[in-house]
Amino acid sequence: MLRLGQVLLNLVNNAIKFTAHGSITVTISQTRESADSALLRFDVRDTGIGIAPEDQALLFTAFEQVDSSTSRKYGGTGLGLAISKRLVHLMGGEIGVDSKAGAGSVFWFTALLEKIANVEEPAPARSLEVVEQQLKNLHANAFILLVEDDLINQEVAKLQLESVGLKVDLAEDGEQAVEMASRTAYDVILMDVQMPKMDGLAATRAIRVLPNRATVPIISMTANAFDEDRQACLGAGMSDHLGKPFMPEELYAVLLKWLKK
């Protein structure tokens, strides 16, 4: 529900920003259903300034501004919409817009949601709800260093971490991560591998030789899923591996594992 709420918040905030007069309406409809899930569609309709057809394709690309004068007046929305697109895809859905200049807009997205069983059954040991609650109960205020150079990945991961009560510092490259780790004793370091200036492998080696940092859990985050890539991470001194893209329950499970230690 966290991802769903974040997307709705982004779209409604944009609708408010671009609608000086008129109305904003949010509607929800079901488009498909199975025994254990339902595909829902969310529409955020406004009567604002609208968007020309040729500009609509740019909206969900980070930092793209469809009109510089509009951006100066209203503020850019590229990063927020790009994050919304990433979150919607994590929910198994799509996102889009129907609009004409001067005639308002309808931003819509779909989300595939699991049904809650009516019968009471024990939740799986690593279900999202279980690991979320365990982190909140056992490790609230644990201090995490998130090392990630992609701004969208930063925002999504930071949102997921803070939603379960964890404190988060951000580093945008390996050099910054080493400097921050030298000053602060983090409980866990989440380390991207491919970064500018200093990659995650070199940063991990540098952190391991810092005073009192030989055993801090360092978890690699990389899209490279081959065994040799995992071995390279472990060989550099990393504690564990998290493959991108990862679901929140996967992130929470690996954090639980290492925070318990």
C-alpha atoms as a PDB file:
ATOM      1  CA  MET A   1       0.000   0.000   0.000  1.00  0.00           C
ATOM      2  CA  LEU A   2       2.972   2.308   0.477  1.00  0.00           C
ATOM      3  CA  ARG A   3       3.771   2.350  -3.251  1.00  0.00           C
ATOM      4  CA  LEU A   4       0.114   2.847  -4.161  1.00  0.00           C
ATOM      5  CA  GLY A   5      -0.196   5.792  -1.796  1.00  0.00           C
ATOM      6  CA  GLN A   6       2.996   7.392  -3.078  1.00  0.00           C
ATOM      7  CA  VAL A   7       1.819   7.260  -6.707  1.00  0.00           C
ATOM      8  CA  LEU A   8      -1.599   8.690  -5.858  1.00  0.00           C
ATOM      9  CA  LEU A   9       0.032  11.442  -3.795  1.00  0.00           C
ATOM     10  CA  ASN A  10       2.342  12.390  -6.681  1.00  0.00           C
ATOM     11  CA  LEU A  11      -0.491  12.511  -9.227  1.00  0.00           C
ATOM     12  CA  VAL A  12      -2.879  14.446  -7.000  1.00  0.00           C
ATOM     13  CA  ASN A  13      -0.154  16.954  -6.070  1.00  0.00           C
ATOM     14  CA  ASN A  14       0.566  17.536  -9.771  1.00  0.00           C
ATOM     15  CA  ALA A  15      -3.145  17.967 -10.498  1.00  0.00           C
ATOM     16  CA  ILE A  16      -3.424  20.581  -7.748  1.00  0.00           C
ATOM     17  CA  LYS A  17      -0.326  22.376  -9.030  1.00  0.00           C
ATOM     18  CA  PHE A  18      -1.662  22.715 -12.584  1.00  0.00           C
ATOM     19  CA  THR A  19      -5.342  23.409 -11.793  1.00  0.00           C
ATOM     20  CA  ALA A  20      -5.999  27.005 -10.802  1.00  0.00           C
ATOM     21  CA  HIS A  21      -9.778  26.715 -11.223  1.00  0.00           C
ATOM     22  CA  GLY A  22     -12.244  23.852 -11.520  1.00  0.00           C
ATOM     23  CA  SER A  23     -12.045  20.416  -9.960  1.00  0.00           C
ATOM     24  CA  ILE A  24      -9.894  17.349  -9.345  1.00  0.00           C
ATOM     25  CA  THR A  25     -11.528  13.918  -9.250  1.00  0.00           C
ATOM     26  CA  VAL A  26     -10.040  10.557  -8.244  1.00  0.00           C
ATOM     27  CA  THR A  27     -11.848   7.400  -9.382  1.00  0.00           C
ATOM     28  CA  ILE A  28     -11.059   3.717  -8.924  1.00  0.00           C
ATOM     29  CA  SER A  29     -12.380   0.865 -11.050  1.00  0.00           C
ATOM     30  CA  GLN A  30     -11.703  -2.837 -11.372  1.00  0.00           C
ATOM     31  CA  THR A  31     -10.602  -3.989 -14.828  1.00  0.00           C
ATOM     32  CA  ARG A  32      -9.740  -7.628 -14.210  1.00  0.00           C
ATOM     33  CA  GLU A  33     -10.182 -10.199 -11.444  1.00  0.00           C
ATOM     34  CA  SER A  34      -8.908 -13.669 -10.658  1.00  0.00           C
ATOM     35  CA  ALA A  35      -9.257 -15.974  -7.695  1.00  0.00           C
ATOM     36  CA  ASP A  36      -6.380 -14.373  -5.805  1.00  0.00           C
ATOM     37  CA  SER A  37      -5.858 -10.913  -7.345  1.00  0.00           C
ATOM     38  CA  ALA A  38      -7.534  -7.934  -8.987  1.00  0.00           C
ATOM     39  CA  LEU A  39      -6.274  -5.352 -11.468  1.00  0.00           C
ATOM     40  CA  LEU A  40      -7.457  -1.911 -10.412  1.00  0.00           C
ATOM     41  CA  ARG A  41      -7.350   1.305 -12.434  1.00  0.00           C
ATOM     42  CA  PHE A  42      -6.900   4.698 -10.767  1.00  0.00           C
ATOM     43  CA  ASP A  43      -7.792   7.914 -12.631  1.00  0.00           C
ATOM     44  CA  VAL A  44      -6.834  11.409 -11.447  1.00  0.00           C
ATOM     45  CA  ARG A  45      -8.818  13.885 -13.561  1.00  0.00           C
ATOM     46  CA  ASP A  46      -8.269  17.638 -13.464  1.00  0.00           C
ATOM     47  CA  THR A  47      -9.582  20.697 -15.310  1.00  0.00           C
ATOM     48  CA  GLY A  48      -6.176  22.375 -15.478  1.00  0.00           C
ATOM     49  CA  ILE A  49      -3.926  23.655 -18.239  1.00  0.00           C
ATOM     50  CA  GLY A  50      -3.603  20.340 -20.074  1.00  0.00           C
ATOM     51  CA  ILE A  51      -0.680  18.958 -22.068  1.00  0.00           C
ATOM     52  CA  ALA A  52      -0.109  18.976 -25.828  1.00  0.00           C
ATOM     53  CA  PRO A  53       0.041  15.480 -27.431  1.00  0.00           C
ATOM     54  CA  GLU A  54       3.630  15.911 -28.605  1.00  0.00           C
ATOM     55  CA  ASP A  55       4.759  16.652 -25.045  1.00  0.00           C
ATOM     56  CA  GLN A  56       3.060  13.747 -23.296  1.00  0.00           C
ATOM     57  CA  ALA A  57       5.727  11.173 -24.161  1.00  0.00           C
ATOM     58  CA  LEU A  58       8.314  13.202 -22.191  1.00  0.00           C
ATOM     59  CA  LEU A  59       6.376  13.326 -18.948  1.00  0.00           C
ATOM     60  CA  PHE A  60       7.563  10.067 -17.411  1.00  0.00           C
ATOM     61  CA  THR A  61      11.257  10.621 -18.170  1.00  0.00           C
ATOM     62  CA  ALA A  62      13.318  11.977 -15.287  1.00  0.00           C
ATOM     63  CA  PHE A  63      14.162  15.680 -15.523  1.00  0.00           C
ATOM     64  CA  GLU A  64      12.407  16.231 -18.857  1.00  0.00           C
ATOM     65  CA  GLN A  65      10.478  19.497 -18.879  1.00  0.00           C
ATOM     66  CA  VAL A  66       7.776  19.761 -21.536  1.00  0.00           C
ATOM     67  CA  ASP A  67       7.801  23.550 -21.533  1.00  0.00           C
ATOM     68  CA  SER A  68      10.436  25.744 -19.962  1.00  0.00           C
ATOM     69  CA  SER A  69       8.061  28.618 -19.241  1.00  0.00           C
ATOM     70  CA  THR A  70       5.595  26.255 -17.576  1.00  0.00           C
ATOM     71  CA  SER A  71       8.415  24.749 -15.552  1.00  0.00           C
ATOM     72  CA  ARG A  72       9.469  28.139 -14.256  1.00  0.00           C
ATOM     73  CA  LYS A  73       5.912  28.995 -13.252  1.00  0.00           C
ATOM     74  CA  TYR A  74       4.771  25.663 -11.845  1.00  0.00           C
ATOM     75  CA  GLY A  75       7.953  23.723 -11.062  1.00  0.00           C
ATOM     76  CA  GLY A  76       9.155  20.531 -12.759  1.00  0.00           C
ATOM     77  CA  THR A  77       7.406  17.205 -12.284  1.00  0.00           C
ATOM     78  CA  GLY A  78       9.739  14.927 -14.266  1.00  0.00           C
ATOM     79  CA  LEU A  79      11.386  13.173 -11.331  1.00  0.00           C
ATOM     80  CA  GLY A  80       8.094  12.612  -9.478  1.00  0.00           C
ATOM     81  CA  LEU A  81       6.428  11.094 -12.543  1.00  0.00           C
ATOM     82  CA  ALA A  82       9.470   8.966 -13.332  1.00  0.00           C
ATOM     83  CA  ILE A  83       9.408   7.614  -9.767  1.00  0.00           C
ATOM     84  CA  SER A  84       5.660   6.992 -10.110  1.00  0.00           C
ATOM     85  CA  LYS A  85       6.303   4.995 -13.290  1.00  0.00           C
ATOM     86  CA  ARG A  86       8.905   2.865 -11.500  1.00  0.00           C
ATOM     87  CA  LEU A  87       6.568   2.239  -8.555  1.00  0.00           C
ATOM     88  CA  VAL A  88       3.643   1.340 -10.833  1.00  0.00           C
ATOM     89  CA  HIS A  89       5.772  -1.209 -12.681  1.00  0.00           C
ATOM     90  CA  LEU A  90       6.717  -2.740  -9.315  1.00  0.00           C
ATOM     91  CA  MET A  91       2.969  -3.176  -8.700  1.00  0.00           C
ATOM     92  CA  GLY A  92       2.568  -5.002 -12.034  1.00  0.00           C
ATOM     93  CA  GLY A  93       0.769  -2.120 -13.729  1.00  0.00           C
ATOM     94  CA  GLU A  94       1.082   0.624 -16.329  1.00  0.00           C
ATOM     95  CA  ILE A  95       0.806   4.413 -16.180  1.00  0.00           C
ATOM     96  CA  GLY A  96      -0.223   7.004 -18.739  1.00  0.00           C
ATOM     97  CA  VAL A  97      -1.972  10.288 -19.461  1.00  0.00           C
ATOM     98  CA  ASP A  98      -4.867  11.480 -21.630  1.00  0.00           C
ATOM     99  CA  SER A  99      -4.813  15.231 -22.181  1.00  0.00           C
ATOM    100  CA  LYS A 100      -5.163  18.165 -24.545  1.00  0.00           C
ATOM    101  CA  ALA A 101      -3.651  21.611 -24.118  1.00  0.00           C
ATOM    102  CA  GLY A 102      -6.135  23.861 -22.328  1.00  0.00           C
ATOM    103  CA  ALA A 103      -8.605  21.035 -21.708  1.00  0.00           C
ATOM    104  CA  GLY A 104      -7.375  19.347 -18.535  1.00  0.00           C
ATOM    105  CA  SER A 105      -5.706  15.977 -18.012  1.00  0.00           C
ATOM    106  CA  VAL A 106      -6.416  12.444 -16.826  1.00  0.00           C
ATOM    107  CA  PHE A 107      -3.397  10.704 -15.336  1.00  0.00           C
ATOM    108  CA  TRP A 108      -4.135   7.012 -14.884  1.00  0.00           C
ATOM    109  CA  PHE A 109      -2.353   3.917 -13.647  1.00  0.00           C
ATOM    110  CA  THR A 110      -3.153   0.289 -12.957  1.00  0.00           C
ATOM    111  CA  ALA A 111      -2.016  -1.925 -10.095  1.00  0.00           C
ATOM    112  CA  LEU A 112      -2.285  -5.682  -9.624  1.00  0.00           C
ATOM    113  CA  LEU A 113      -3.258  -6.271  -6.001  1.00  0.00           C
ATOM    114  CA  GLU A 114      -3.493  -9.536  -4.127  1.00  0.00           C
ATOM    115  CA  LYS A 115      -6.745 -10.395  -2.395  1.00  0.00           C
ATOM    116  CA  ILE A 116      -6.806 -10.996   1.329  1.00  0.00           C
ATOM    117  CA  ALA A 117      -8.094 -14.449   2.149  1.00  0.00           C
ATOM    118  CA  ASN A 118     -11.233 -14.587   4.271  1.00  0.00           C
ATOM    119  CA  VAL A 119     -10.021 -17.619   6.201  1.00  0.00           C
ATOM    120  CA  GLU A 120      -7.428 -17.061   8.859  1.00  0.00           C
ATOM    121  CA  GLU A 121      -4.175 -18.686   7.842  1.00  0.00           C
ATOM    122  CA  PRO A 122      -0.669 -18.057   9.115  1.00  0.00           C
ATOM    123  CA  ALA A 123       1.187 -15.611   6.877  1.00  0.00           C
ATOM    124  CA  PRO A 124       4.243 -16.881   5.011  1.00  0.00           C
ATOM    125  CA  ALA A 125       7.416 -16.410   7.009  1.00  0.00           C
ATOM    126  CA  ARG A 126       8.747 -13.824   4.565  1.00  0.00           C
ATOM    127  CA  SER A 127       5.545 -12.101   3.458  1.00  0.00           C
ATOM    128  CA  LEU A 128       5.794  -8.338   3.096  1.00  0.00           C
ATOM    129  CA  GLU A 129       3.589  -7.630   6.121  1.00  0.00           C
ATOM    130  CA  VAL A 130       5.589  -9.945   8.374  1.00  0.00           C
ATOM    131  CA  VAL A 131       9.038  -8.589   7.544  1.00  0.00           C
ATOM    132  CA  GLU A 132       7.778  -5.000   7.667  1.00  0.00           C
ATOM    133  CA  GLN A 133       6.460  -5.526  11.186  1.00  0.00           C
ATOM    134  CA  GLN A 134       9.589  -7.335  12.338  1.00  0.00           C
ATOM    135  CA  LEU A 135      11.792  -4.473  11.193  1.00  0.00           C
ATOM    136  CA  LYS A 136       9.546  -1.930  12.904  1.00  0.00           C
ATOM    137  CA  ASN A 137       9.418  -3.929  16.153  1.00  0.00           C
ATOM    138  CA  LEU A 138      13.033  -5.075  16.374  1.00  0.00           C
ATOM    139  CA  HIS A 139      15.139  -2.545  14.496  1.00  0.00           C
ATOM    140  CA  ALA A 140      13.415   0.838  14.518  1.00  0.00           C
ATOM    141  CA  ASN A 141      15.968   3.642  14.101  1.00  0.00           C
ATOM    142  CA  ALA A 142      18.674   1.332  12.782  1.00  0.00           C
ATOM    143  CA  PHE A 143      21.040   3.505  10.718  1.00  0.00           C
ATOM    144  CA  ILE A 144      21.421   2.555   7.050  1.00  0.00           C
ATOM    145  CA  LEU A 145      23.857   4.019   4.515  1.00  0.00           C
ATOM    146  CA  LEU A 146      22.299   3.813   1.045  1.00  0.00           C
ATOM    147  CA  VAL A 147      24.959   4.114  -1.664  1.00  0.00           C
ATOM    148  CA  GLU A 148      23.248   4.678  -5.027  1.00  0.00           C
ATOM    149  CA  ASP A 149      23.954   7.070  -7.908  1.00  0.00           C
ATOM    150  CA  ASP A 150      20.587   6.770  -9.702  1.00  0.00           C
ATOM    151  CA  LEU A 151      18.216   9.412  -8.298  1.00  0.00           C
ATOM    152  CA  ILE A 152      15.060   7.411  -8.969  1.00  0.00           C
ATOM    153  CA  ASN A 153      16.508   4.312  -7.298  1.00  0.00           C
ATOM    154  CA  GLN A 154      17.566   6.538  -4.401  1.00  0.00           C
ATOM    155  CA  GLU A 155      14.057   7.879  -3.870  1.00  0.00           C
ATOM    156  CA  VAL A 156      12.359   4.488  -4.161  1.00  0.00           C
ATOM    157  CA  ALA A 157      14.787   2.713  -1.816  1.00  0.00           C
ATOM    158  CA  LYS A 158      14.776   5.577   0.702  1.00  0.00           C
ATOM    159  CA  LEU A 159      10.971   5.514   0.769  1.00  0.00           C
ATOM    160  CA  GLN A 160      10.970   1.758   1.395  1.00  0.00           C
ATOM    161  CA  LEU A 161      13.556   2.015   4.183  1.00  0.00           C
ATOM    162  CA  GLU A 162      11.994   4.946   6.013  1.00  0.00           C
ATOM    163  CA  SER A 163       8.527   3.384   5.850  1.00  0.00           C
ATOM    164  CA  VAL A 164       9.679   0.687   8.315  1.00  0.00           C
ATOM    165  CA  GLY A 165      11.292   3.144  10.719  1.00  0.00           C
ATOM    166  CA  LEU A 166      14.907   2.969   9.539  1.00  0.00           C
ATOM    167  CA  LYS A 167      17.161   6.036   9.468  1.00  0.00           C
ATOM    168  CA  VAL A 168      18.823   6.621   6.093  1.00  0.00           C
ATOM    169  CA  ASP A 169      21.892   8.482   4.879  1.00  0.00           C
ATOM    170  CA  LEU A 170      22.523   8.807   1.130  1.00  0.00           C
ATOM    171  CA  ALA A 171      25.824   8.585  -0.722  1.00  0.00           C
ATOM    172  CA  GLU A 172      25.911   9.133  -4.485  1.00  0.00           C
ATOM    173  CA  ASP A 173      29.247   7.425  -5.258  1.00  0.00           C
ATOM    174  CA  GLY A 174      31.876   5.201  -3.711  1.00  0.00           C
ATOM    175  CA  GLU A 175      34.189   8.004  -2.615  1.00  0.00           C
ATOM    176  CA  GLN A 176      31.384   9.682  -0.672  1.00  0.00           C
ATOM    177  CA  ALA A 177      30.401   6.331   0.864  1.00  0.00           C
ATOM    178  CA  VAL A 178      33.935   5.719   2.181  1.00  0.00           C
ATOM    179  CA  GLU A 179      34.112   9.218   3.653  1.00  0.00           C
ATOM    180  CA  MET A 180      30.703   8.862   5.350  1.00  0.00           C
ATOM    181  CA  ALA A 181      31.499   5.369   6.662  1.00  0.00           C
ATOM    182  CA  SER A 182      34.725   6.677   8.177  1.00  0.00           C
ATOM    183  CA  ARG A 183      32.721   9.168  10.270  1.00  0.00           C
ATOM    184  CA  THR A 184      29.612   7.138  11.152  1.00  0.00           C
ATOM    185  CA  ALA A 185      29.136   3.575  12.405  1.00  0.00           C
ATOM    186  CA  TYR A 186      26.223   2.439  10.246  1.00  0.00           C
ATOM    187  CA  ASP A 187      24.291  -0.697  11.128  1.00  0.00           C
ATOM    188  CA  VAL A 188      24.118  -1.788   7.460  1.00  0.00           C
ATOM    189  CA  ILE A 189      25.501  -0.385   4.201  1.00  0.00           C
ATOM    190  CA  LEU A 190      23.528  -0.964   0.983  1.00  0.00           C
ATOM    191  CA  MET A 191      26.098  -0.632  -1.795  1.00  0.00           C
ATOM    192  CA  ASP A 192      25.418  -0.187  -5.509  1.00  0.00           C
ATOM    193  CA  VAL A 193      28.192  -1.755  -7.576  1.00  0.00           C
ATOM    194  CA  GLN A 194      28.364   0.339 -10.747  1.00  0.00           C
ATOM    195  CA  MET A 195      28.964   3.983  -9.823  1.00  0.00           C
ATOM    196  CA  PRO A 196      31.085   6.925 -10.992  1.00  0.00           C
ATOM    197  CA  LYS A 197      34.374   7.995  -9.338  1.00  0.00           C
ATOM    198  CA  MET A 198      34.696   4.791  -7.289  1.00  0.00           C
ATOM    199  CA  ASP A 199      32.624   1.651  -7.831  1.00  0.00           C
ATOM    200  CA  GLY A 200      31.043  -0.392  -5.076  1.00  0.00           C
ATOM    201  CA  LEU A 201      33.766  -3.057  -5.049  1.00  0.00           C
ATOM    202  CA  ALA A 202      36.558  -0.529  -4.528  1.00  0.00           C
ATOM    203  CA  ALA A 203      34.481   1.343  -1.941  1.00  0.00           C
ATOM    204  CA  THR A 204      33.879  -1.865   0.001  1.00  0.00           C
ATOM    205  CA  ARG A 205      37.594  -2.689   0.067  1.00  0.00           C
ATOM    206  CA  ALA A 206      38.336   0.819   1.327  1.00  0.00           C
ATOM    207  CA  ILE A 207      35.667   0.623   4.044  1.00  0.00           C
ATOM    208  CA  ARG A 208      36.924  -2.750   5.270  1.00  0.00           C
ATOM    209  CA  VAL A 209      40.324  -1.317   6.219  1.00  0.00           C
ATOM    210  CA  LEU A 210      38.835   1.601   8.153  1.00  0.00           C
ATOM    211  CA  PRO A 211      39.074   1.367  11.969  1.00  0.00           C
ATOM    212  CA  ASN A 212      36.180  -0.685  13.415  1.00  0.00           C
ATOM    213  CA  ARG A 213      34.549  -1.255   9.999  1.00  0.00           C
ATOM    214  CA  ALA A 214      35.817  -4.756   9.227  1.00  0.00           C
ATOM    215  CA  THR A 215      32.518  -6.425  10.135  1.00  0.00           C
ATOM    216  CA  VAL A 216      29.851  -3.871   9.230  1.00  0.00           C
ATOM    217  CA  PRO A 217      27.324  -5.643   6.945  1.00  0.00           C
ATOM    218  CA  ILE A 218      27.751  -4.406   3.351  1.00  0.00           C
ATOM    219  CA  ILE A 219      25.078  -5.651   0.954  1.00  0.00           C
ATOM    220  CA  SER A 220      25.667  -5.299  -2.765  1.00  0.00           C
ATOM    221  CA  MET A 221      22.875  -4.037  -5.031  1.00  0.00           C
ATOM    222  CA  THR A 222      23.408  -4.893  -8.685  1.00  0.00           C
ATOM    223  CA  ALA A 223      21.490  -6.007 -11.751  1.00  0.00           C
ATOM    224  CA  ASN A 224      24.323  -8.404 -12.623  1.00  0.00           C
ATOM    225  CA  ALA A 225      22.941 -11.767 -11.532  1.00  0.00           C
ATOM    226  CA  PHE A 226      25.703 -14.097 -12.741  1.00  0.00           C
ATOM    227  CA  ASP A 227      27.502 -16.181 -10.160  1.00  0.00           C
ATOM    228  CA  GLU A 228      30.856 -14.585 -11.022  1.00  0.00           C
ATOM    229  CA  ASP A 229      29.375 -11.180 -10.217  1.00  0.00           C
ATOM    230  CA  ARG A 230      28.207 -12.393  -6.808  1.00  0.00           C
ATOM    231  CA  GLN A 231      31.611 -13.927  -6.179  1.00  0.00           C
ATOM    232  CA  ALA A 232      33.302 -10.639  -7.110  1.00  0.00           C
ATOM    233  CA  CYS A 233      31.131  -8.844  -4.551  1.00  0.00           C
ATOM    234  CA  LEU A 234      31.917 -11.378  -1.836  1.00  0.00           C
ATOM    235  CA  GLY A 235      35.590 -11.321  -2.777  1.00  0.00           C
ATOM    236  CA  ALA A 236      35.669  -7.553  -2.293  1.00  0.00           C
ATOM    237  CA  GLY A 237      34.412  -8.019   1.264  1.00  0.00           C
ATOM    238  CA  MET A 238      30.661  -7.632   0.825  1.00  0.00           C
ATOM    239  CA  SER A 239      28.432  -9.604   3.162  1.00  0.00           C
ATOM    240  CA  ASP A 240      25.500 -10.423   0.878  1.00  0.00           C
ATOM    241  CA  HIS A 241      23.967  -9.759  -2.531  1.00  0.00           C
ATOM    242  CA  LEU A 242      20.632  -8.209  -3.536  1.00  0.00           C
ATOM    243  CA  GLY A 243      19.732  -8.414  -7.218  1.00  0.00           C
ATOM    244  CA  LYS A 244      18.063  -5.466  -8.977  1.00  0.00           C
ATOM    245  CA  PRO A 245      15.226  -4.921  -9.394  1.00  0.00           C
ATOM    246  CA  PHE A 246      14.213  -6.182  -5.961  1.00  0.00           C
ATOM    247  CA  MET A 247      10.846  -6.302  -4.257  1.00  0.00           C
ATOM    248  CA  PRO A 248      10.399  -4.631  -0.849  1.00  0.00           C
ATOM    249  CA  GLU A 249      10.067  -7.980   0.914  1.00  0.00           C
ATOM    250  CA  GLU A 250      13.444  -9.063  -0.513  1.00  0.00           C
ATOM    251  CA  LEU A 251      15.096  -5.888   0.741  1.00  0.00           C
ATOM    252  CA  TYR A 252      13.476  -6.209   4.166  1.00  0.00           C
ATOM    253  CA  ALA A 253      14.387  -9.887   4.488  1.00  0.00           C
ATOM    254  CA  VAL A 254      18.079  -9.317   3.830  1.00  0.00           C
ATOM    255  CA  LEU A 255      18.105  -6.356   6.241  1.00  0.00           C
ATOM    256  CA  LEU A 256      16.481  -8.494   8.936  1.00  0.00           C
ATOM    257  CA  LYS A 257      19.100 -11.172   8.396  1.00  0.00           C
ATOM    258  CA  TRP A 258      22.022  -8.833   8.942  1.00  0.00           C
ATOM    259  CA  LEU A 259      20.528  -6.539  11.567  1.00  0.00           C
ATOM    260  CA  LYS A 260      19.895  -9.606  13.746  1.00  0.00           C
ATOM    261  CA  LYS A 261      23.591 -10.414  13.580  1.00  0.00           C
END
